[in-house]
Structure formats: structure tokens, C-alpha cells
Amino acid sequence: MSVTIKTRIGFIGSSAPASPHHESFKAFIPNDIDFAIVQEAGPKTSLYDARGKVDPLIHQVRELIEQQHWDGVIISGAPKEALNPGMWERVSQELKVPISMALRSSVAALKAFSAKRILLMTPVDDQLKKMYQNYLAEFGIEAVYPPQTLRAVTDAQKLTSVEVESMTRATFAQYPDVDAIYFQGALLDPLPILEKLEIELKVPIVASNPAMLWVILSKLGLRYAISGYGKLLSSWPALPAGPF
């Protein structure tokens, strides 16, 4: 009897594998994917600790690829990309397997939906929001976002799905002229309500975790139709032109 060899995907981020928000992500990983979550090494007291830490991250991921025989790697954490210009280019060149990252993958997804003006929903502070906005602008995407309401990024973990849904609906009413909504930051965890909001608000909604999964599997020549988590995964568009 032949044995099917699963595609091995590594996911490396700042949170421990057992963190609650990872459960929403793992729920829609295809069964034929061997998916491993690993925490990034090193102390972290702030999102800004990611600045200047690209070298040790590349070293850690390179070792994991060799040890775990990963076919592709997801490197989560938009602050890493925002705080380290050129990071995507470096990891793409120095790691010998396909990679996907939060901001770059989300840009690819927004471009797949031809979105030019988007509502950015993220629990980070206004300084990082501005950096995300500038990053998106480099790809011709205008981002608008509401004023800061959370005292700390970790406060996002205290919000229920009902509260995230209500907050998104109210914010969208203030910015009705956007082409899409972009959730950045798994702590806000919009995944359980993403499809419901997409149907109600009648705009595509991109969240970074599904976007990173879509990009990495697409790069490996895989295609799925995953229902229940929004248009990106259910329709599985082709990757747009560009270095993603």
C-alpha cells in the first residue's frame, strides 16, 4: 500500500504554540498538510523588539527547515516586516524553501481582489498602524483606520467574537467607501466571524493568517476550496503578478 507523504509547513511566530488564537487558524488547515507551529527564540517585551532581529530569525528558521524537513515556511508578525525594511527580500533569498509573511501575503490577497482603498483593523498602536499604512502604499493600496481604542495590543485577546463583529460593523459604517477590510494581528481573531461579516458588509475581508496560508500553499503548487473562512480560501484565486 502506498503511503502519502504530507506537505510539511512550518509556522514561526512570537506566540507559544498553545496560544488560544492559534486554534482558530489550525481549524482550517487542510488534512493533507503537516503543520507545525514554533515560537520564535529570544525574549520579547514589546512588538518593537523585532527591530534588528532578522539575522537570528533567519538562523533559527534555517535550522528548523533542516531538522523538520519543511517544504515551506510561514513567518508571522507584521511588526517584523514593518520594523525591518527589506526583510521579505532577505528571507526569500537566504531561505531555500518558499516563504510567506504577514504584510506581503496580505498585499497579495488584497491585490487578488483588486482592492485599492481598504479599512485596516489591527490592535497595534498608531505608530505601527502608520508603518503598515506606508507599507501598503508602496503597493498602491490606500489604508484608512480608526483611532486607537485599545490601551494595549494584548487587550485584543479579551474581546469576544461578538465584540469584534460589533466593532468592525461600526467602524465600517464610518468608512463605507473602502474596497475591502484587512485584519492584521491574530490576537484580534476575526476568523470565526470573517465569512459572516463578508456576506453582511458585501466586501472581501482579508486576514493575515489565511492570506499567509493561501500564499505558501499556492507557491507549492497546491490549491484548495476551504469553506467557512471567507472568499479568499473558498475561491482560492491565483497569486497576482509580483514578488509575493
C-alpha atoms as a PDB file:
ATOM      1  CA  MET A   1       0.000   0.000   0.000  1.00  0.00           C
ATOM      2  CA  SER A   2       1.390   3.404  -0.974  1.00  0.00           C
ATOM      3  CA  VAL A   3       1.977   5.970   1.728  1.00  0.00           C
ATOM      4  CA  THR A   4       1.020   9.575   1.047  1.00  0.00           C
ATOM      5  CA  ILE A   5       3.772  11.985   2.067  1.00  0.00           C
ATOM      6  CA  LYS A   6       2.218  15.112   3.515  1.00  0.00           C
ATOM      7  CA  THR A   7       3.419  18.593   2.608  1.00  0.00           C
ATOM      8  CA  ARG A   8       5.242  19.978   5.630  1.00  0.00           C
ATOM      9  CA  ILE A   9       4.641  23.614   6.538  1.00  0.00           C
ATOM     10  CA  GLY A  10       6.347  25.393   9.397  1.00  0.00           C
ATOM     11  CA  PHE A  11       4.799  28.393  11.125  1.00  0.00           C
ATOM     12  CA  ILE A  12       7.052  30.564  13.259  1.00  0.00           C
ATOM     13  CA  GLY A  13       5.737  33.431  15.350  1.00  0.00           C
ATOM     14  CA  SER A  14       6.128  35.284  18.619  1.00  0.00           C
ATOM     15  CA  SER A  15       3.407  33.341  20.484  1.00  0.00           C
ATOM     16  CA  ALA A  16       3.675  29.886  22.030  1.00  0.00           C
ATOM     17  CA  PRO A  17       2.144  27.014  20.009  1.00  0.00           C
ATOM     18  CA  ALA A  18      -0.548  26.557  22.675  1.00  0.00           C
ATOM     19  CA  SER A  19      -1.728  30.182  22.472  1.00  0.00           C
ATOM     20  CA  PRO A  20      -5.551  30.284  22.137  1.00  0.00           C
ATOM     21  CA  HIS A  21      -5.642  32.329  18.932  1.00  0.00           C
ATOM     22  CA  HIS A  22      -3.733  29.600  17.102  1.00  0.00           C
ATOM     23  CA  GLU A  23      -6.728  27.270  17.464  1.00  0.00           C
ATOM     24  CA  SER A  24      -8.830  29.348  15.046  1.00  0.00           C
ATOM     25  CA  PHE A  25      -6.024  29.086  12.491  1.00  0.00           C
ATOM     26  CA  LYS A  26      -5.418  25.357  12.890  1.00  0.00           C
ATOM     27  CA  ALA A  27      -9.129  24.689  12.367  1.00  0.00           C
ATOM     28  CA  PHE A  28      -8.924  25.237   8.599  1.00  0.00           C
ATOM     29  CA  ILE A  29      -5.502  23.725   7.826  1.00  0.00           C
ATOM     30  CA  PRO A  30      -6.104  21.051   5.147  1.00  0.00           C
ATOM     31  CA  ASN A  31      -5.806  17.484   6.433  1.00  0.00           C
ATOM     32  CA  ASP A  32      -3.075  16.606   3.961  1.00  0.00           C
ATOM     33  CA  ILE A  33      -0.784  19.313   5.374  1.00  0.00           C
ATOM     34  CA  ASP A  34       1.649  18.549   8.194  1.00  0.00           C
ATOM     35  CA  PHE A  35       1.558  21.875  10.056  1.00  0.00           C
ATOM     36  CA  ALA A  36       3.973  22.727  12.874  1.00  0.00           C
ATOM     37  CA  ILE A  37       3.889  25.900  14.993  1.00  0.00           C
ATOM     38  CA  VAL A  38       7.160  27.006  16.606  1.00  0.00           C
ATOM     39  CA  GLN A  39       7.801  30.030  18.796  1.00  0.00           C
ATOM     40  CA  GLU A  40      10.483  32.452  17.723  1.00  0.00           C
ATOM     41  CA  ALA A  41      13.507  32.374  20.012  1.00  0.00           C
ATOM     42  CA  GLY A  42      14.565  35.300  22.165  1.00  0.00           C
ATOM     43  CA  PRO A  43      12.933  37.493  24.834  1.00  0.00           C
ATOM     44  CA  LYS A  44      10.041  39.746  23.853  1.00  0.00           C
ATOM     45  CA  THR A  45       8.702  42.580  25.954  1.00  0.00           C
ATOM     46  CA  SER A  46       7.310  44.707  23.121  1.00  0.00           C
ATOM     47  CA  LEU A  47       6.303  44.423  19.476  1.00  0.00           C
ATOM     48  CA  TYR A  48       9.192  46.780  18.786  1.00  0.00           C
ATOM     49  CA  ASP A  49      11.687  44.155  19.992  1.00  0.00           C
ATOM     50  CA  ALA A  50      11.555  42.729  16.463  1.00  0.00           C
ATOM     51  CA  ARG A  51      13.636  45.618  15.144  1.00  0.00           C
ATOM     52  CA  GLY A  52      17.076  44.457  14.014  1.00  0.00           C
ATOM     53  CA  LYS A  53      16.418  40.772  14.794  1.00  0.00           C
ATOM     54  CA  VAL A  54      16.335  39.406  11.232  1.00  0.00           C
ATOM     55  CA  ASP A  55      19.683  37.568  11.408  1.00  0.00           C
ATOM     56  CA  PRO A  56      18.860  35.373  14.438  1.00  0.00           C
ATOM     57  CA  LEU A  57      15.406  34.669  12.999  1.00  0.00           C
ATOM     58  CA  ILE A  58      16.861  33.511   9.686  1.00  0.00           C
ATOM     59  CA  HIS A  59      19.353  31.336  11.572  1.00  0.00           C
ATOM     60  CA  GLN A  60      16.578  29.725  13.630  1.00  0.00           C
ATOM     61  CA  VAL A  61      14.344  29.107  10.626  1.00  0.00           C
ATOM     62  CA  ARG A  62      17.220  27.680   8.578  1.00  0.00           C
ATOM     63  CA  GLU A  63      17.929  25.153  11.339  1.00  0.00           C
ATOM     64  CA  LEU A  64      14.253  24.229  11.630  1.00  0.00           C
ATOM     65  CA  ILE A  65      13.963  23.673   7.888  1.00  0.00           C
ATOM     66  CA  GLU A  66      16.874  21.244   8.059  1.00  0.00           C
ATOM     67  CA  GLN A  67      15.629  19.457  11.188  1.00  0.00           C
ATOM     68  CA  GLN A  68      11.925  19.318  10.334  1.00  0.00           C
ATOM     69  CA  HIS A  69      12.239  18.937   6.546  1.00  0.00           C
ATOM     70  CA  TRP A  70       9.755  21.742   5.971  1.00  0.00           C
ATOM     71  CA  ASP A  71       8.636  22.310   2.381  1.00  0.00           C
ATOM     72  CA  GLY A  72       7.605  25.896   3.109  1.00  0.00           C
ATOM     73  CA  VAL A  73       7.624  28.379   5.985  1.00  0.00           C
ATOM     74  CA  ILE A  74       5.151  30.958   7.263  1.00  0.00           C
ATOM     75  CA  ILE A  75       6.843  33.744   9.227  1.00  0.00           C
ATOM     76  CA  SER A  76       4.130  35.602  11.091  1.00  0.00           C
ATOM     77  CA  GLY A  77       4.242  39.012  12.706  1.00  0.00           C
ATOM     78  CA  ALA A  78       3.652  42.163  10.678  1.00  0.00           C
ATOM     79  CA  PRO A  79       5.763  44.291  13.061  1.00  0.00           C
ATOM     80  CA  LYS A  80       8.832  42.325  11.923  1.00  0.00           C
ATOM     81  CA  GLU A  81       8.311  43.422   8.313  1.00  0.00           C
ATOM     82  CA  ALA A  82       7.383  46.991   9.186  1.00  0.00           C
ATOM     83  CA  LEU A  83      10.358  47.479  11.517  1.00  0.00           C
ATOM     84  CA  ASN A  84      12.904  45.788   9.247  1.00  0.00           C
ATOM     85  CA  PRO A  85      12.725  47.210   5.712  1.00  0.00           C
ATOM     86  CA  GLY A  86      13.911  44.688   3.138  1.00  0.00           C
ATOM     87  CA  MET A  87      13.208  41.723   5.421  1.00  0.00           C
ATOM     88  CA  TRP A  88      10.998  39.946   2.883  1.00  0.00           C
ATOM     89  CA  GLU A  89      13.706  40.157   0.238  1.00  0.00           C
ATOM     90  CA  ARG A  90      16.331  38.824   2.653  1.00  0.00           C
ATOM     91  CA  VAL A  91      14.401  35.804   3.873  1.00  0.00           C
ATOM     92  CA  SER A  92      13.291  34.999   0.331  1.00  0.00           C
ATOM     93  CA  GLN A  93      16.902  34.948  -0.816  1.00  0.00           C
ATOM     94  CA  GLU A  94      18.511  33.261   2.177  1.00  0.00           C
ATOM     95  CA  LEU A  95      15.997  30.504   2.930  1.00  0.00           C
ATOM     96  CA  LYS A  96      15.922  27.655   0.436  1.00  0.00           C
ATOM     97  CA  VAL A  97      12.182  26.935   0.596  1.00  0.00           C
ATOM     98  CA  PRO A  98       9.170  29.124  -0.269  1.00  0.00           C
ATOM     99  CA  ILE A  99       8.141  31.535   2.466  1.00  0.00           C
ATOM    100  CA  SER A 100       5.135  33.728   3.211  1.00  0.00           C
ATOM    101  CA  MET A 101       4.902  36.696   5.567  1.00  0.00           C
ATOM    102  CA  ALA A 102       2.013  38.658   7.025  1.00  0.00           C
ATOM    103  CA  LEU A 103       2.145  42.038   5.297  1.00  0.00           C
ATOM    104  CA  ARG A 104       3.392  40.769   1.930  1.00  0.00           C
ATOM    105  CA  SER A 105       0.826  37.947   1.822  1.00  0.00           C
ATOM    106  CA  SER A 106      -1.985  40.306   2.753  1.00  0.00           C
ATOM    107  CA  VAL A 107      -0.939  42.665  -0.039  1.00  0.00           C
ATOM    108  CA  ALA A 108      -1.124  39.724  -2.452  1.00  0.00           C
ATOM    109  CA  ALA A 109      -4.622  38.864  -1.228  1.00  0.00           C
ATOM    110  CA  LEU A 110      -5.824  42.464  -1.463  1.00  0.00           C
ATOM    111  CA  LYS A 111      -4.446  42.691  -4.982  1.00  0.00           C
ATOM    112  CA  ALA A 112      -6.187  39.444  -5.897  1.00  0.00           C
ATOM    113  CA  PHE A 113      -9.428  41.269  -5.019  1.00  0.00           C
ATOM    114  CA  SER A 114      -8.317  44.431  -6.875  1.00  0.00           C
ATOM    115  CA  ALA A 115      -8.630  46.423  -3.641  1.00  0.00           C
ATOM    116  CA  LYS A 116      -7.190  49.938  -3.802  1.00  0.00           C
ATOM    117  CA  ARG A 117      -8.655  51.505  -0.635  1.00  0.00           C
ATOM    118  CA  ILE A 118      -9.019  49.347   2.448  1.00  0.00           C
ATOM    119  CA  LEU A 119     -10.088  49.554   6.079  1.00  0.00           C
ATOM    120  CA  LEU A 120      -7.245  48.385   8.319  1.00  0.00           C
ATOM    121  CA  MET A 121      -8.364  46.666  11.513  1.00  0.00           C
ATOM    122  CA  THR A 122      -5.484  45.917  13.879  1.00  0.00           C
ATOM    123  CA  PRO A 123      -4.880  46.113  17.644  1.00  0.00           C
ATOM    124  CA  VAL A 124      -1.391  47.660  17.374  1.00  0.00           C
ATOM    125  CA  ASP A 125      -0.631  51.259  18.334  1.00  0.00           C
ATOM    126  CA  ASP A 126      -0.920  54.193  15.959  1.00  0.00           C
ATOM    127  CA  GLN A 127       2.817  54.255  15.227  1.00  0.00           C
ATOM    128  CA  LEU A 128       2.742  50.722  13.856  1.00  0.00           C
ATOM    129  CA  LYS A 129      -0.552  51.386  12.090  1.00  0.00           C
ATOM    130  CA  LYS A 130       1.144  54.229  10.244  1.00  0.00           C
ATOM    131  CA  MET A 131       4.002  51.918   9.285  1.00  0.00           C
ATOM    132  CA  TYR A 132       1.528  49.352   7.947  1.00  0.00           C
ATOM    133  CA  GLN A 133      -0.215  52.128   6.048  1.00  0.00           C
ATOM    134  CA  ASN A 134       3.074  53.189   4.467  1.00  0.00           C
ATOM    135  CA  TYR A 135       3.926  49.597   3.566  1.00  0.00           C
ATOM    136  CA  LEU A 136       0.588  49.130   1.791  1.00  0.00           C
ATOM    137  CA  ALA A 137       1.000  52.446  -0.004  1.00  0.00           C
ATOM    138  CA  GLU A 138       4.166  51.117  -1.653  1.00  0.00           C
ATOM    139  CA  PHE A 139       1.909  48.638  -3.455  1.00  0.00           C
ATOM    140  CA  GLY A 140      -0.703  51.208  -4.447  1.00  0.00           C
ATOM    141  CA  ILE A 141      -3.123  50.367  -1.626  1.00  0.00           C
ATOM    142  CA  GLU A 142      -4.538  53.208   0.475  1.00  0.00           C
ATOM    143  CA  ALA A 143      -5.319  52.204   4.063  1.00  0.00           C
ATOM    144  CA  VAL A 144      -7.607  54.023   6.473  1.00  0.00           C
ATOM    145  CA  TYR A 145      -8.016  53.067  10.108  1.00  0.00           C
ATOM    146  CA  PRO A 146      -9.960  54.180  13.184  1.00  0.00           C
ATOM    147  CA  PRO A 147      -8.386  55.988  16.153  1.00  0.00           C
ATOM    148  CA  GLN A 148      -6.682  53.835  18.776  1.00  0.00           C
ATOM    149  CA  THR A 149      -9.192  52.406  21.266  1.00  0.00           C
ATOM    150  CA  LEU A 150      -7.300  49.569  22.987  1.00  0.00           C
ATOM    151  CA  ARG A 151      -4.874  50.532  25.740  1.00  0.00           C
ATOM    152  CA  ALA A 152      -2.523  47.653  24.823  1.00  0.00           C
ATOM    153  CA  VAL A 153      -2.290  45.184  21.965  1.00  0.00           C
ATOM    154  CA  THR A 154      -2.924  42.314  24.389  1.00  0.00           C
ATOM    155  CA  ASP A 155      -6.342  43.783  25.222  1.00  0.00           C
ATOM    156  CA  ALA A 156      -7.464  42.360  21.872  1.00  0.00           C
ATOM    157  CA  GLN A 157      -7.382  38.887  23.446  1.00  0.00           C
ATOM    158  CA  LYS A 158     -10.111  39.948  25.867  1.00  0.00           C
ATOM    159  CA  LEU A 159     -12.586  40.732  23.075  1.00  0.00           C
ATOM    160  CA  THR A 160     -15.221  38.165  22.203  1.00  0.00           C
ATOM    161  CA  SER A 161     -16.164  37.365  18.610  1.00  0.00           C
ATOM    162  CA  VAL A 162     -19.395  39.297  19.172  1.00  0.00           C
ATOM    163  CA  GLU A 163     -17.422  42.356  20.257  1.00  0.00           C
ATOM    164  CA  VAL A 164     -15.031  42.118  17.296  1.00  0.00           C
ATOM    165  CA  GLU A 165     -18.021  41.785  14.976  1.00  0.00           C
ATOM    166  CA  SER A 166     -19.765  44.807  16.505  1.00  0.00           C
ATOM    167  CA  MET A 167     -16.584  46.896  16.414  1.00  0.00           C
ATOM    168  CA  THR A 168     -15.964  46.027  12.757  1.00  0.00           C
ATOM    169  CA  ARG A 169     -19.519  46.786  11.720  1.00  0.00           C
ATOM    170  CA  ALA A 170     -19.450  50.167  13.486  1.00  0.00           C
ATOM    171  CA  THR A 171     -16.054  51.078  12.020  1.00  0.00           C
ATOM    172  CA  PHE A 172     -17.080  50.061   8.515  1.00  0.00           C
ATOM    173  CA  ALA A 173     -20.055  52.416   8.798  1.00  0.00           C
ATOM    174  CA  GLN A 174     -17.552  55.265   9.255  1.00  0.00           C
ATOM    175  CA  TYR A 175     -15.539  54.238   6.177  1.00  0.00           C
ATOM    176  CA  PRO A 176     -18.149  52.874   3.724  1.00  0.00           C
ATOM    177  CA  ASP A 177     -16.141  53.751   0.606  1.00  0.00           C
ATOM    178  CA  VAL A 178     -13.483  51.039   1.001  1.00  0.00           C
ATOM    179  CA  ASP A 179     -12.968  48.092  -1.363  1.00  0.00           C
ATOM    180  CA  ALA A 180     -12.016  45.596   1.348  1.00  0.00           C
ATOM    181  CA  ILE A 181     -11.306  45.126   5.037  1.00  0.00           C
ATOM    182  CA  TYR A 182      -7.897  43.931   6.205  1.00  0.00           C
ATOM    183  CA  PHE A 183      -7.440  42.370   9.652  1.00  0.00           C
ATOM    184  CA  GLN A 184      -3.814  42.333  10.749  1.00  0.00           C
ATOM    185  CA  GLY A 185      -2.942  40.651  14.014  1.00  0.00           C
ATOM    186  CA  ALA A 186      -4.162  37.240  15.145  1.00  0.00           C
ATOM    187  CA  LEU A 187      -4.886  38.488  18.675  1.00  0.00           C
ATOM    188  CA  LEU A 188      -7.993  40.208  17.329  1.00  0.00           C
ATOM    189  CA  ASP A 189      -9.001  36.799  15.877  1.00  0.00           C
ATOM    190  CA  PRO A 190     -11.656  37.659  13.278  1.00  0.00           C
ATOM    191  CA  LEU A 191     -11.593  34.170  11.748  1.00  0.00           C
ATOM    192  CA  PRO A 192     -14.747  32.773  13.424  1.00  0.00           C
ATOM    193  CA  ILE A 193     -16.819  35.697  12.101  1.00  0.00           C
ATOM    194  CA  LEU A 194     -14.946  36.541   8.922  1.00  0.00           C
ATOM    195  CA  GLU A 195     -17.331  34.933   6.450  1.00  0.00           C
ATOM    196  CA  LYS A 196     -20.404  36.268   8.264  1.00  0.00           C
ATOM    197  CA  LEU A 197     -19.055  39.823   8.086  1.00  0.00           C
ATOM    198  CA  GLU A 198     -18.032  39.415   4.468  1.00  0.00           C
ATOM    199  CA  ILE A 199     -21.564  38.429   3.483  1.00  0.00           C
ATOM    200  CA  GLU A 200     -23.196  41.167   5.558  1.00  0.00           C
ATOM    201  CA  LEU A 201     -20.873  44.030   4.573  1.00  0.00           C
ATOM    202  CA  LYS A 202     -20.539  42.895   0.939  1.00  0.00           C
ATOM    203  CA  VAL A 203     -16.779  43.455   0.697  1.00  0.00           C
ATOM    204  CA  PRO A 204     -13.930  40.936   0.675  1.00  0.00           C
ATOM    205  CA  ILE A 205     -12.171  40.585   4.014  1.00  0.00           C
ATOM    206  CA  VAL A 206      -8.516  39.628   4.240  1.00  0.00           C
ATOM    207  CA  ALA A 207      -6.958  38.338   7.455  1.00  0.00           C
ATOM    208  CA  SER A 208      -3.226  37.759   7.642  1.00  0.00           C
ATOM    209  CA  ASN A 209      -3.239  34.089   8.720  1.00  0.00           C
ATOM    210  CA  PRO A 210      -5.478  32.849   5.876  1.00  0.00           C
ATOM    211  CA  ALA A 211      -3.528  35.062   3.472  1.00  0.00           C
ATOM    212  CA  MET A 212      -0.202  33.553   4.530  1.00  0.00           C
ATOM    213  CA  LEU A 213      -1.588  30.027   4.192  1.00  0.00           C
ATOM    214  CA  TRP A 214      -3.009  30.795   0.738  1.00  0.00           C
ATOM    215  CA  VAL A 215       0.305  32.235  -0.433  1.00  0.00           C
ATOM    216  CA  ILE A 216       2.550  29.439   0.846  1.00  0.00           C
ATOM    217  CA  LEU A 217       0.354  26.622  -0.475  1.00  0.00           C
ATOM    218  CA  SER A 218      -0.079  28.407  -3.807  1.00  0.00           C
ATOM    219  CA  LYS A 219       3.699  28.742  -4.088  1.00  0.00           C
ATOM    220  CA  LEU A 220       3.962  24.984  -3.579  1.00  0.00           C
ATOM    221  CA  GLY A 221       1.512  24.389  -6.423  1.00  0.00           C
ATOM    222  CA  LEU A 222      -1.385  23.412  -4.153  1.00  0.00           C
ATOM    223  CA  ARG A 223      -4.960  24.605  -4.450  1.00  0.00           C
ATOM    224  CA  TYR A 224      -7.943  24.107  -2.145  1.00  0.00           C
ATOM    225  CA  ALA A 225     -11.528  25.245  -1.677  1.00  0.00           C
ATOM    226  CA  ILE A 226     -11.891  25.817   2.076  1.00  0.00           C
ATOM    227  CA  SER A 227     -15.375  26.936   3.058  1.00  0.00           C
ATOM    228  CA  GLY A 228     -16.415  28.872   6.138  1.00  0.00           C
ATOM    229  CA  TYR A 229     -13.490  31.301   6.317  1.00  0.00           C
ATOM    230  CA  GLY A 230     -14.149  33.859   3.627  1.00  0.00           C
ATOM    231  CA  LYS A 231     -13.802  34.347  -0.088  1.00  0.00           C
ATOM    232  CA  LEU A 232     -10.015  34.108  -0.240  1.00  0.00           C
ATOM    233  CA  LEU A 233      -9.896  30.482   0.874  1.00  0.00           C
ATOM    234  CA  SER A 234     -13.162  29.380  -0.698  1.00  0.00           C
ATOM    235  CA  SER A 235     -12.428  30.795  -4.167  1.00  0.00           C
ATOM    236  CA  TRP A 236      -8.625  30.365  -3.961  1.00  0.00           C
ATOM    237  CA  PRO A 237      -7.628  32.932  -6.600  1.00  0.00           C
ATOM    238  CA  ALA A 238      -4.304  32.691  -8.399  1.00  0.00           C
ATOM    239  CA  LEU A 239      -1.431  34.660  -6.914  1.00  0.00           C
ATOM    240  CA  PRO A 240      -1.248  38.082  -8.562  1.00  0.00           C
ATOM    241  CA  ALA A 241       1.773  39.133 -10.567  1.00  0.00           C
ATOM    242  CA  GLY A 242       4.617  40.393  -8.447  1.00  0.00           C
ATOM    243  CA  PRO A 243       7.135  39.131  -5.915  1.00  0.00           C
ATOM    244  CA  PHE A 244       4.918  37.558  -3.262  1.00  0.00           C
END
